[in-house]
């Protein structure tokens, strides 16, 4: 804050008088200045003592739900293996989840694609930037805990003329005045307004952290599910092409029998129509595979023309023998969406304190110290010094009940966040229960599909042999072909469903982010700026 020229002149005159005054007068002036500084220090100390409390509720972490399981009936085995050389899959309670959970499929190409997606996916990079933004905002708000120190330096020159009184002790009409000055402003956090604001921003940063973890989990789950879907489509295409090959072989038999006069031409035409119908099912599958490849390429942060090199089939994936089932009490600590909802509840709690503190008085302390001189040589001499100390209290007396209703709104927002948290928890438990039931049903479906495909193939093989001997007509063959094709597609889809639902289980249980070594450091907020960055801010910075 600049000092008015008239005041500067008076203070300069006073200082000069003191310079020529007796020693005891200067001593009394020094004592008076010291007493003011002591009073300012005491005021700051008192403010710090008063800042020991903060209005508003202190956040209490929600308790874990009082449930002991995800399903009404105890879980049995996850599945009975159809391979005698492999053990049955089984659920294991409280089995921890690895940070890189997708490695359980024992597929190197899948591992490579997941790492590629983590390095280049734009959605994940956006979530990382959002976390850095939230943490920097929190760090910036902490600056309100400290006094604000500003420095100014002015130089003015002028001429008052003979009609006006000179502002200088020498009464000279022409003058040059240099005034460097330092101002200190401090608003003690008496009622905890700043602390609640920082608490709110910390909670927002924590919410962004777990939203980042949710994005990470969604991305890895989508990559794994996409790879399984690609493998399923390849399996269905292989099954369809096998039926097309068999149908063509059968058509050759029919044409030979027609040429020998054993069957009518109508039977040949019927087989040709059946072959065309099977061939008609192939292009849609190939279209789905091409679109799936585009989807996987986009997850890896690439354009469709830069298609990923990795390709997937069911034979290249393996199911784990042990499937984890976290304890219900641990699920609320493992699910990123639950942790994000908890952080959102914490932020809403802090907002109540902010709204409450805004209805209370605000204290401000200020201090200014500077020098004013006609010449640079005497600028910092004691006789040119000027200073002031002040304090103020501001309180809203009437605002049309605006602050009152904002406090009520904060309470309603907290109730909303609490309900959203409870809904998120219930949905998370439902997700786990749904996946557990799906895995048990998948196992039964796959066993039945394998048996149906085996029976259908045996039936088709016998029918083709009987056809070659002329023992049956073409309708029986067409029926056997249709049954086998459908059984083959169902078996491929059932097998893929087991792999997909296994991935869904790891996703529903939180994805093991707490066991990853890369959690946190890459997304931490930057530290304090260097002296050069502080004094000379970079106007344009390359992120």
Protein backbone atom coordinates (compact mmCIF):
# COMPACT_ATOMS: atom_id res chain seq x y z
CA UNK A 1 0.00 0.00 0.00
CA UNK A 2 1.51 3.36 -1.00
CA UNK A 3 1.78 6.14 1.58
CA UNK A 4 0.11 9.50 0.70
CA UNK A 5 2.58 12.25 -0.08
CA UNK A 6 1.35 14.52 2.70
CA UNK A 7 1.77 11.71 5.19
CA UNK A 8 5.20 10.94 3.80
CA UNK A 9 6.26 14.51 4.28
CA UNK A 10 5.03 14.56 7.88
CA UNK A 11 6.78 11.31 8.67
CA UNK A 12 10.00 12.48 7.04
CA UNK A 13 9.86 15.72 9.01
CA UNK A 14 9.24 13.79 12.20
CA UNK A 15 12.18 11.52 11.55
CA UNK A 16 14.44 14.48 10.90
CA UNK A 17 13.32 16.14 14.10
CA UNK A 18 14.09 12.96 15.97
CA UNK A 19 17.49 12.78 14.36
CA UNK A 20 18.35 16.14 15.93
CA UNK A 21 16.43 15.54 19.16
CA UNK A 22 18.01 14.46 22.44
CA UNK A 23 18.88 10.80 22.92
CA UNK A 24 15.96 10.15 25.28
CA UNK A 25 13.43 11.31 22.68
CA UNK A 26 14.82 8.92 20.08
CA UNK A 27 14.79 6.16 22.67
CA UNK A 28 11.12 6.82 23.43
CA UNK A 29 10.37 6.66 19.69
CA UNK A 30 12.19 3.34 19.39
CA UNK A 31 10.28 1.96 22.37
CA UNK A 32 6.98 3.10 20.83
CA UNK A 33 7.86 1.43 17.50
CA UNK A 34 8.90 -1.73 19.31
CA UNK A 35 5.68 -1.86 21.28
CA UNK A 36 3.67 -1.71 18.06
CA UNK A 37 5.68 -4.54 16.54
CA UNK A 38 5.20 -6.58 19.71
CA UNK A 39 1.47 -5.89 19.55
CA UNK A 40 1.38 -7.09 15.94
CA UNK A 41 3.28 -10.25 16.88
CA UNK A 42 0.89 -10.88 19.77
CA UNK A 43 -2.08 -10.42 17.46
CA UNK A 44 -0.69 -12.98 15.02
CA UNK A 45 0.02 -15.40 17.88
CA UNK A 46 -3.48 -14.95 19.28
CA UNK A 47 -4.94 -15.59 15.84
CA UNK A 48 -2.92 -18.78 15.54
CA UNK A 49 -4.22 -19.96 18.94
CA UNK A 50 -7.79 -19.17 17.95
CA UNK A 51 -7.24 -21.13 14.72
CA UNK A 52 -6.91 -24.38 16.65
CA UNK A 53 -10.51 -25.32 15.91
CA UNK A 54 -12.59 -25.46 12.74
CA UNK A 55 -16.36 -25.20 12.50
CA UNK A 56 -18.36 -27.86 10.76
CA UNK A 57 -18.39 -31.65 11.16
CA UNK A 58 -15.19 -33.71 11.26
CA UNK A 59 -15.50 -36.41 8.62
CA UNK A 60 -16.09 -39.93 9.86
CA UNK A 61 -15.30 -42.75 7.45
CA UNK A 62 -18.38 -44.92 6.75
CA UNK A 63 -18.35 -48.33 8.41
CA UNK A 64 -18.16 -51.50 6.36
CA UNK A 65 -21.52 -53.23 5.68
CA UNK A 66 -22.40 -55.89 8.22
CA UNK A 67 -22.64 -58.75 5.73
CA UNK A 68 -20.50 -61.86 5.59
CA UNK A 69 -21.05 -63.08 2.02
CA UNK A 70 -22.13 -61.99 -1.44
CA UNK A 71 -24.74 -64.68 -2.07
CA UNK A 72 -27.49 -66.20 0.00
CA UNK A 73 -26.18 -69.75 -0.40
CA UNK A 74 -22.53 -70.71 0.18
CA UNK A 75 -20.42 -70.78 -2.96
CA UNK A 76 -19.41 -74.15 -4.31
CA UNK A 77 -16.76 -74.77 -6.90
CA UNK A 78 -16.49 -72.26 -9.70
CA UNK A 79 -16.43 -74.96 -12.38
CA UNK A 80 -15.65 -78.56 -13.11
CA UNK A 81 -12.88 -78.73 -15.68
CA UNK A 82 -13.61 -80.50 -18.95
CA UNK A 83 -9.92 -81.35 -19.26
CA UNK A 84 -8.93 -84.37 -17.10
CA UNK A 85 -5.32 -83.13 -16.91
CA UNK A 86 -6.38 -79.85 -15.26
CA UNK A 87 -7.76 -79.43 -11.73
CA UNK A 88 -11.21 -78.08 -11.11
CA UNK A 89 -11.51 -74.29 -10.84
CA UNK A 90 -12.49 -73.17 -7.37
CA UNK A 91 -13.27 -70.00 -5.44
CA UNK A 92 -10.83 -69.06 -2.67
CA UNK A 93 -12.01 -66.58 -0.05
CA UNK A 94 -9.70 -63.72 0.84
CA UNK A 95 -7.25 -64.57 -1.95
CA UNK A 96 -5.42 -61.37 -2.91
CA UNK A 97 -5.49 -60.02 -6.46
CA UNK A 98 -2.26 -59.28 -8.34
CA UNK A 99 -1.69 -55.76 -9.62
CA UNK A 100 -1.28 -57.07 -13.18
CA UNK A 101 -4.26 -59.41 -12.92
CA UNK A 102 -4.52 -59.98 -16.69
CA UNK A 103 -1.33 -62.07 -16.48
CA UNK A 104 -3.47 -64.94 -15.12
CA UNK A 105 -4.39 -65.76 -18.74
CA UNK A 106 -0.73 -66.63 -19.47
CA UNK A 107 -0.78 -64.78 -22.81
CA UNK A 108 2.30 -62.77 -23.73
CA UNK A 109 0.51 -60.99 -26.59
CA UNK A 110 -2.27 -59.95 -24.19
CA UNK A 111 0.29 -58.60 -21.72
CA UNK A 112 1.94 -56.62 -24.52
CA UNK A 113 -1.35 -55.10 -25.66
CA UNK A 114 -2.38 -54.09 -22.15
CA UNK A 115 0.96 -52.37 -21.57
CA UNK A 116 0.65 -50.65 -24.94
CA UNK A 117 -2.82 -49.37 -24.06
CA UNK A 118 -1.66 -48.14 -20.65
CA UNK A 119 1.11 -46.17 -22.32
CA UNK A 120 -0.94 -44.55 -25.09
CA UNK A 121 -4.65 -44.46 -24.19
CA UNK A 122 -5.92 -40.87 -24.22
CA UNK A 123 -8.69 -41.43 -21.64
CA UNK A 124 -6.13 -42.66 -19.13
CA UNK A 125 -3.87 -39.70 -19.85
CA UNK A 126 -6.82 -37.34 -19.34
CA UNK A 127 -7.56 -38.94 -15.96
CA UNK A 128 -3.90 -38.56 -14.96
CA UNK A 129 -4.01 -34.87 -15.90
CA UNK A 130 -7.25 -34.41 -13.93
CA UNK A 131 -5.51 -35.83 -10.85
CA UNK A 132 -2.56 -33.47 -11.26
CA UNK A 133 -5.00 -30.57 -11.67
CA UNK A 134 -6.83 -31.47 -8.45
CA UNK A 135 -3.60 -31.85 -6.48
CA UNK A 136 -2.21 -28.54 -7.72
CA UNK A 137 -5.47 -26.79 -6.77
CA UNK A 138 -5.17 -28.26 -3.29
CA UNK A 139 -1.54 -27.14 -3.01
CA UNK A 140 -2.48 -23.64 -4.20
CA UNK A 141 -5.20 -23.32 -1.56
CA UNK A 142 -2.64 -24.08 1.16
CA UNK A 143 -1.04 -20.73 0.36
CA UNK A 144 -3.86 -19.09 2.32
CA UNK A 145 -2.30 -20.42 5.54
CA UNK A 146 0.65 -18.05 5.13
CA UNK A 147 0.98 -14.26 5.17
CA UNK A 148 0.93 -12.65 1.74
CA UNK A 149 4.06 -10.55 1.15
CA UNK A 150 4.10 -8.03 -1.70
CA UNK A 151 6.69 -5.48 -2.71
CA UNK A 152 6.24 -2.29 -4.70
CA UNK A 153 8.64 0.38 -5.92
CA UNK A 154 7.47 3.71 -7.34
CA UNK A 155 9.22 6.79 -8.56
CA UNK A 156 7.42 10.05 -9.27
CA UNK A 157 8.51 13.54 -10.17
CA UNK A 158 6.56 16.78 -10.27
CA UNK A 159 6.27 20.49 -9.58
CA UNK A 160 3.66 21.93 -7.22
CA UNK A 161 4.16 25.53 -8.29
CA UNK A 162 4.09 28.46 -5.93
CA UNK A 163 0.31 28.31 -5.37
CA UNK A 164 0.40 24.91 -3.58
CA UNK A 165 2.28 23.78 -0.51
CA UNK A 166 5.25 21.57 -1.22
CA UNK A 167 5.03 18.01 0.15
CA UNK A 168 8.72 18.14 1.03
CA UNK A 169 10.32 19.30 4.24
CA UNK A 170 12.61 21.56 2.20
CA UNK A 171 9.55 23.34 0.70
CA UNK A 172 11.00 22.95 -2.77
CA UNK A 173 8.35 23.13 -5.51
CA UNK A 174 10.14 20.73 -7.86
CA UNK A 175 10.74 17.27 -6.55
CA UNK A 176 11.54 13.65 -7.32
CA UNK A 177 10.26 11.00 -4.90
CA UNK A 178 11.32 7.32 -4.72
CA UNK A 179 9.17 4.98 -2.62
CA UNK A 180 10.02 1.27 -2.18
CA UNK A 181 7.57 -0.53 0.06
CA UNK A 182 6.82 -3.98 1.50
CA UNK A 183 3.29 -4.95 2.54
CA UNK A 184 2.27 -7.94 4.64
CA UNK A 185 -1.34 -9.14 4.78
CA UNK A 186 -2.53 -12.04 6.87
CA UNK A 187 -6.00 -13.42 7.48
CA UNK A 188 -5.82 -15.79 10.46
CA UNK A 189 -7.97 -18.87 9.98
CA UNK A 190 -9.87 -18.29 13.22
CA UNK A 191 -12.92 -20.42 12.40
CA UNK A 192 -11.23 -22.90 10.07
CA UNK A 193 -12.52 -21.58 6.75
CA UNK A 194 -9.21 -22.15 4.97
CA UNK A 195 -8.71 -25.54 6.60
CA UNK A 196 -12.13 -26.72 5.45
CA UNK A 197 -11.44 -25.38 1.95
CA UNK A 198 -8.15 -27.29 1.85
CA UNK A 199 -9.88 -30.36 3.27
CA UNK A 200 -12.47 -30.13 0.51
CA UNK A 201 -9.83 -29.82 -2.23
CA UNK A 202 -7.83 -32.69 -0.72
CA UNK A 203 -10.95 -34.84 -0.85
CA UNK A 204 -11.57 -33.79 -4.46
CA UNK A 205 -7.98 -34.79 -5.28
CA UNK A 206 -8.54 -38.13 -3.55
CA UNK A 207 -11.71 -38.63 -5.57
CA UNK A 208 -9.77 -37.89 -8.78
CA UNK A 209 -7.13 -40.39 -7.68
CA UNK A 210 -9.69 -43.18 -7.47
CA UNK A 211 -11.40 -42.05 -10.65
CA UNK A 212 -7.99 -42.51 -12.26
CA UNK A 213 -7.84 -46.01 -10.78
CA UNK A 214 -11.35 -46.68 -12.12
CA UNK A 215 -10.26 -45.50 -15.57
CA UNK A 216 -7.18 -47.73 -15.34
CA UNK A 217 -9.31 -50.71 -14.35
CA UNK A 218 -11.91 -50.02 -17.04
CA UNK A 219 -9.21 -49.74 -19.69
CA UNK A 220 -7.44 -52.98 -18.74
CA UNK A 221 -10.77 -54.80 -18.43
CA UNK A 222 -11.88 -53.55 -21.84
CA UNK A 223 -8.62 -54.68 -23.41
CA UNK A 224 -8.95 -58.16 -21.88
CA UNK A 225 -12.65 -58.43 -22.74
CA UNK A 226 -11.91 -57.18 -26.24
CA UNK A 227 -9.21 -59.80 -26.71
CA UNK A 228 -11.60 -62.52 -25.54
CA UNK A 229 -14.32 -61.26 -27.88
CA UNK A 230 -11.84 -61.28 -30.76
CA UNK A 231 -10.87 -64.83 -29.87
CA UNK A 232 -14.54 -65.82 -29.76
CA UNK A 233 -15.20 -64.32 -33.20
CA UNK A 234 -12.18 -66.12 -34.64
CA UNK A 235 -13.48 -69.37 -33.15
CA UNK A 236 -16.93 -68.82 -34.65
CA UNK A 237 -15.40 -68.02 -38.04
CA UNK A 238 -13.33 -71.23 -37.90
CA UNK A 239 -16.45 -73.27 -37.01
CA UNK A 240 -18.42 -71.65 -39.82
CA UNK A 241 -15.69 -72.25 -42.37
CA UNK A 242 -15.52 -75.89 -41.27
CA UNK A 243 -19.24 -76.30 -41.97
CA UNK A 244 -18.81 -74.55 -45.32
CA UNK A 245 -16.03 -76.98 -46.24
CA UNK A 246 -18.15 -79.98 -45.21
CA UNK A 247 -21.15 -78.60 -47.10
CA UNK A 248 -19.07 -78.26 -50.24
CA UNK A 249 -17.83 -81.81 -49.86
CA UNK A 250 -21.42 -82.97 -49.45
CA UNK A 251 -22.44 -81.03 -52.54
CA UNK A 252 -19.82 -82.92 -54.55
CA UNK A 253 -21.36 -86.19 -53.31
CA UNK A 254 -24.86 -85.03 -54.22
CA UNK A 255 -23.81 -84.04 -57.73
CA UNK A 256 -22.08 -87.40 -58.26
CA UNK A 257 -25.20 -89.24 -57.10
CA UNK A 258 -27.35 -87.10 -59.42
CA UNK A 259 -25.10 -87.91 -62.35
CA UNK A 260 -25.48 -91.63 -61.49
CA UNK A 261 -29.23 -91.21 -61.38
CA UNK A 262 -29.47 -92.03 -57.68
CA UNK A 263 -31.09 -88.71 -56.66
CA UNK A 264 -33.06 -85.97 -58.35
CA UNK A 265 -31.68 -82.56 -59.29
CA UNK A 266 -33.96 -81.03 -56.66
CA UNK A 267 -31.84 -82.62 -53.94
CA UNK A 268 -28.73 -81.00 -55.41
CA UNK A 269 -30.42 -77.62 -55.54
CA UNK A 270 -31.47 -78.01 -51.91
CA UNK A 271 -27.87 -78.69 -50.88
CA UNK A 272 -26.68 -75.69 -52.89
CA UNK A 273 -29.20 -73.51 -51.05
CA UNK A 274 -28.03 -74.90 -47.71
CA UNK A 275 -24.42 -74.13 -48.65
CA UNK A 276 -25.34 -70.57 -49.62
CA UNK A 277 -27.14 -70.06 -46.31
CA UNK A 278 -24.08 -71.15 -44.34
CA UNK A 279 -21.81 -68.98 -46.46
CA UNK A 280 -24.18 -66.08 -45.80
CA UNK A 281 -23.39 -66.26 -42.07
CA UNK A 282 -19.65 -65.77 -42.62
CA UNK A 283 -19.47 -62.08 -43.75
CA UNK A 284 -21.28 -60.74 -40.63
CA UNK A 285 -18.77 -62.56 -38.43
CA UNK A 286 -15.87 -61.18 -40.47
CA UNK A 287 -17.38 -57.69 -40.18
CA UNK A 288 -17.64 -58.02 -36.41
CA UNK A 289 -14.02 -59.18 -36.26
CA UNK A 290 -12.84 -56.19 -38.30
CA UNK A 291 -14.78 -53.79 -36.07
CA UNK A 292 -13.44 -55.53 -32.97
CA UNK A 293 -9.92 -55.02 -34.28
CA UNK A 294 -10.69 -51.31 -34.74
CA UNK A 295 -11.98 -51.14 -31.16
CA UNK A 296 -8.84 -52.79 -29.80
CA UNK A 297 -6.64 -50.48 -31.86
CA UNK A 298 -8.47 -47.43 -30.45
CA UNK A 299 -7.96 -48.71 -26.88
CA UNK A 300 -4.24 -48.77 -27.63
CA UNK A 301 -4.40 -45.10 -28.60
CA UNK A 302 -3.96 -45.67 -32.32
CA UNK A 303 -5.86 -44.89 -35.51
CA UNK A 304 -7.62 -47.72 -37.40
CA UNK A 305 -5.00 -47.52 -40.16
CA UNK A 306 -2.35 -48.30 -37.50
CA UNK A 307 -3.94 -51.61 -36.54
CA UNK A 308 -2.37 -53.45 -33.62
CA UNK A 309 -0.17 -56.43 -34.43
CA UNK A 310 -1.48 -58.68 -31.64
CA UNK A 311 -4.08 -61.32 -32.57
CA UNK A 312 -6.04 -63.55 -30.21
CA UNK A 313 -7.64 -66.97 -30.21
CA UNK A 314 -9.10 -69.09 -27.42
CA UNK A 315 -6.29 -71.62 -27.59
CA UNK A 316 -3.81 -68.90 -26.62
CA UNK A 317 -5.60 -68.13 -23.34
CA UNK A 318 -5.72 -70.14 -20.11
CA UNK A 319 -8.10 -69.95 -17.20
CA UNK A 320 -6.72 -69.80 -13.64
CA UNK A 321 -7.32 -72.78 -11.36
CA UNK A 322 -8.05 -70.46 -8.40
CA UNK A 323 -10.48 -67.56 -8.48
CA UNK A 324 -10.27 -64.92 -5.71
CA UNK A 325 -13.26 -63.87 -3.66
CA UNK A 326 -12.42 -60.91 -1.42
CA UNK A 327 -14.05 -60.64 1.97
CA UNK A 328 -17.04 -58.25 1.90
CA UNK A 329 -15.36 -56.10 4.55
CA UNK A 330 -12.41 -55.57 2.19
CA UNK A 331 -14.44 -54.81 -0.92
CA UNK A 332 -15.16 -51.23 0.15
CA UNK A 333 -11.40 -50.62 0.39
CA UNK A 334 -10.66 -52.26 -2.97
CA UNK A 335 -13.31 -50.92 -5.35
CA UNK A 336 -12.17 -47.60 -6.92
CA UNK A 337 -15.77 -46.44 -7.40
CA UNK A 338 -16.52 -46.95 -3.69
CA UNK A 339 -13.35 -45.09 -2.68
CA UNK A 340 -14.23 -42.26 -5.08
CA UNK A 341 -17.75 -42.07 -3.59
CA UNK A 342 -16.21 -41.99 -0.09
CA UNK A 343 -13.93 -39.11 -1.13
CA UNK A 344 -16.93 -37.29 -2.60
CA UNK A 345 -18.72 -37.72 0.73
CA UNK A 346 -15.65 -36.31 2.51
CA UNK A 347 -15.64 -33.29 0.17
CA UNK A 348 -19.33 -32.67 0.90
CA UNK A 349 -18.62 -32.84 4.63
CA UNK A 350 -15.88 -30.22 4.31
CA UNK A 351 -18.24 -27.99 2.31
CA UNK A 352 -20.50 -27.81 5.36
CA UNK A 353 -17.60 -26.37 7.33
CA UNK A 354 -16.86 -23.89 4.54
CA UNK A 355 -20.49 -22.74 4.42
CA UNK A 356 -20.60 -22.42 8.23
CA UNK A 357 -17.32 -20.48 8.43
CA UNK A 358 -18.51 -18.06 5.74
CA UNK A 359 -21.26 -16.94 8.14
CA UNK A 360 -18.70 -15.95 10.81
CA UNK A 361 -16.42 -12.91 11.07
CA UNK A 362 -13.23 -12.67 9.01
CA UNK A 363 -10.13 -11.18 10.62
CA UNK A 364 -7.43 -9.36 8.64
CA UNK A 365 -4.04 -8.10 9.80
CA UNK A 366 -1.88 -5.79 7.69
CA UNK A 367 1.56 -4.24 8.02
CA UNK A 368 3.41 -1.90 5.66
CA UNK A 369 6.99 -0.73 5.75
CA UNK A 370 8.74 1.48 3.22
CA UNK A 371 10.98 4.43 2.53
CA UNK A 372 10.44 7.68 0.65
CA UNK A 373 13.30 9.87 -0.44
CA UNK A 374 14.17 12.56 -2.97
CA UNK A 375 17.44 10.83 -3.80
CA UNK A 376 18.54 7.24 -4.19
CA UNK A 377 21.53 7.87 -1.94
CA UNK A 378 19.34 8.52 1.12
CA UNK A 379 16.56 6.14 0.17
CA UNK A 380 17.21 3.57 2.87
CA UNK A 381 18.30 5.87 5.68
CA UNK A 382 16.34 5.69 8.96
CA UNK A 383 15.00 9.20 8.46
CA UNK A 384 13.08 8.17 5.31
CA UNK A 385 11.27 5.19 6.81
CA UNK A 386 7.48 4.99 7.06
CA UNK A 387 5.37 2.13 8.41
CA UNK A 388 1.90 1.23 9.61
CA UNK A 389 0.15 -1.70 11.29
CA UNK A 390 -3.57 -2.37 11.12
CA UNK A 391 -6.28 -4.91 11.70
CA UNK A 392 -9.90 -5.32 10.73
CA UNK A 393 -12.89 -7.56 11.29
CA UNK A 394 -15.47 -8.10 8.57
CA UNK A 395 -18.83 -9.71 9.18
CA UNK A 396 -21.90 -9.95 7.00
CA UNK A 397 -24.80 -8.37 8.84
CA UNK A 398 -27.52 -9.08 6.29
CA UNK A 399 -27.43 -10.71 2.87
CA UNK A 400 -31.01 -11.74 2.29
CA UNK A 401 -30.33 -15.09 4.05
CA UNK A 402 -28.01 -16.12 1.18
CA UNK A 403 -25.29 -17.58 3.42
CA UNK A 404 -27.89 -19.34 5.57
CA UNK A 405 -29.37 -21.10 2.57
CA UNK A 406 -25.90 -21.97 1.24
CA UNK A 407 -25.24 -23.73 4.54
CA UNK A 408 -28.54 -25.60 4.20
CA UNK A 409 -27.59 -26.48 0.63
CA UNK A 410 -24.27 -27.90 1.86
CA UNK A 411 -26.15 -30.09 4.34
CA UNK A 412 -28.43 -31.33 1.56
CA UNK A 413 -25.39 -32.02 -0.67
CA UNK A 414 -23.89 -34.11 2.11
CA UNK A 415 -27.12 -36.12 2.45
CA UNK A 416 -27.07 -36.65 -1.32
CA UNK A 417 -23.43 -37.79 -1.29
CA UNK A 418 -24.18 -40.16 1.59
CA UNK A 419 -27.05 -41.77 -0.34
CA UNK A 420 -24.86 -42.00 -3.46
CA UNK A 421 -22.15 -43.71 -1.42
CA UNK A 422 -24.57 -46.30 -0.05
CA UNK A 423 -25.95 -46.89 -3.55
CA UNK A 424 -22.43 -47.38 -4.91
CA UNK A 425 -21.66 -49.95 -2.20
CA UNK A 426 -24.85 -51.91 -2.87
CA UNK A 427 -24.18 -51.86 -6.63
CA UNK A 428 -20.63 -53.09 -6.06
CA UNK A 429 -21.84 -56.04 -3.99
CA UNK A 430 -24.43 -56.78 -6.66
CA UNK A 431 -21.70 -56.77 -9.34
CA UNK A 432 -19.66 -59.34 -7.42
CA UNK A 433 -22.70 -61.54 -6.75
CA UNK A 434 -23.76 -61.37 -10.41
CA UNK A 435 -20.30 -62.40 -11.62
CA UNK A 436 -20.06 -65.27 -9.13
CA UNK A 437 -23.42 -66.60 -10.29
CA UNK A 438 -22.41 -66.12 -13.92
CA UNK A 439 -19.20 -68.10 -13.43
CA UNK A 440 -21.11 -71.02 -11.94
CA UNK A 441 -23.66 -70.92 -14.76
CA UNK A 442 -20.90 -70.54 -17.37
CA UNK A 443 -19.29 -73.75 -16.19
CA UNK A 444 -22.51 -75.72 -16.54
CA UNK A 445 -23.27 -74.13 -19.90
CA UNK A 446 -19.81 -74.89 -21.25
CA UNK A 447 -19.93 -78.55 -20.17
CA UNK A 448 -23.29 -78.95 -21.86
CA UNK A 449 -22.06 -77.13 -25.00
CA UNK A 450 -18.99 -79.37 -25.27
CA UNK A 451 -21.17 -82.46 -24.94
CA UNK A 452 -23.66 -81.12 -27.49
CA UNK A 453 -20.95 -80.32 -30.01
CA UNK A 454 -19.37 -83.76 -29.61
CA UNK A 455 -22.72 -85.49 -30.08
CA UNK A 456 -23.59 -83.29 -33.07
CA UNK A 457 -20.27 -84.08 -34.75
CA UNK A 458 -20.73 -87.82 -34.26
CA UNK A 459 -24.23 -87.55 -35.68
CA UNK A 460 -23.02 -85.58 -38.69
CA UNK A 461 -20.14 -87.98 -39.31
CA UNK A 462 -22.50 -90.99 -39.28
CA UNK A 463 -25.00 -89.16 -41.50
CA UNK A 464 -22.32 -88.33 -44.09
CA UNK A 465 -21.22 -91.99 -44.23
CA UNK A 466 -24.81 -93.13 -44.62
CA UNK A 467 -25.32 -90.56 -47.36
CA UNK A 468 -22.30 -91.87 -49.26
CA UNK A 469 -23.87 -95.34 -49.14
CA UNK A 470 -27.22 -93.98 -50.28
CA UNK A 471 -28.95 -95.04 -47.07
CA UNK A 472 -30.47 -91.62 -46.21
CA UNK A 473 -31.78 -88.61 -48.06
CA UNK A 474 -30.32 -85.13 -48.08
CA UNK A 475 -32.82 -83.73 -45.56
CA UNK A 476 -31.25 -85.78 -42.78
CA UNK A 477 -27.84 -84.47 -43.76
CA UNK A 478 -28.98 -80.87 -43.86
CA UNK A 479 -30.49 -81.24 -40.42
CA UNK A 480 -27.30 -82.79 -39.04
CA UNK A 481 -25.21 -79.98 -40.58
CA UNK A 482 -27.42 -77.29 -39.07
CA UNK A 483 -27.32 -78.90 -35.62
CA UNK A 484 -23.52 -79.22 -35.70
CA UNK A 485 -23.01 -75.63 -36.85
CA UNK A 486 -25.23 -74.29 -34.10
CA UNK A 487 -23.57 -76.54 -31.49
CA UNK A 488 -20.09 -75.38 -32.58
CA UNK A 489 -21.00 -71.69 -32.33
CA UNK A 490 -22.62 -72.18 -28.92
CA UNK A 491 -19.52 -74.02 -27.65
CA UNK A 492 -17.21 -71.22 -28.78
CA UNK A 493 -19.46 -68.56 -27.22
CA UNK A 494 -19.79 -70.53 -23.97
CA UNK A 495 -16.03 -70.93 -23.73
CA UNK A 496 -15.48 -67.22 -24.36
CA UNK A 497 -18.10 -66.36 -21.73
CA UNK A 498 -16.07 -68.22 -19.07
CA UNK A 499 -12.97 -66.19 -19.94
CA UNK A 500 -14.91 -62.92 -20.07
CA UNK A 501 -16.68 -63.50 -16.76
CA UNK A 502 -13.36 -64.39 -15.12
CA UNK A 503 -12.09 -60.96 -16.19
CA UNK A 504 -15.34 -59.44 -14.91
CA UNK A 505 -14.69 -61.02 -11.49
CA UNK A 506 -11.28 -59.37 -11.21
CA UNK A 507 -12.84 -56.08 -12.29
CA UNK A 508 -15.71 -56.40 -9.80
CA UNK A 509 -13.24 -57.04 -6.95
CA UNK A 510 -11.23 -53.88 -7.72
CA UNK A 511 -8.49 -55.09 -10.04
CA UNK A 512 -5.66 -55.28 -7.50
CA UNK A 513 -4.56 -51.64 -7.89
CA UNK A 514 -3.27 -51.68 -4.29
CA UNK A 515 -0.63 -54.24 -5.32
CA UNK A 516 0.72 -52.19 -8.23
CA UNK A 517 4.13 -50.56 -7.91
CA UNK A 518 3.22 -47.61 -10.16
CA UNK A 519 0.37 -46.22 -8.04
CA UNK A 520 0.82 -42.56 -7.17
CA UNK A 521 4.32 -41.30 -8.03
CA UNK A 522 3.70 -40.49 -11.69
CA UNK A 523 0.60 -38.50 -10.84
CA UNK A 524 1.90 -36.64 -7.79
CA UNK A 525 1.66 -32.85 -7.70
CA UNK A 526 4.83 -30.94 -8.40
CA UNK A 527 6.85 -29.55 -5.51
CA UNK A 528 7.50 -25.89 -4.68
CA UNK A 529 8.88 -23.83 -7.58
CA UNK A 530 12.53 -22.92 -7.76
CA UNK A 531 13.59 -19.37 -6.91
CA UNK A 532 13.92 -18.56 -10.60
CA UNK A 533 10.44 -19.92 -11.38
CA UNK A 534 9.02 -18.00 -8.42
CA UNK A 535 10.57 -14.65 -9.36
CA UNK A 536 10.20 -15.03 -13.14
CA UNK A 537 7.10 -17.14 -13.92
CA UNK A 538 7.08 -18.98 -17.22
CA UNK A 539 4.33 -17.45 -19.35
CA UNK A 540 4.14 -20.33 -21.81
CA UNK A 541 5.14 -23.75 -20.59
CA UNK A 542 5.33 -26.94 -22.60
CA UNK A 543 3.60 -29.70 -20.63
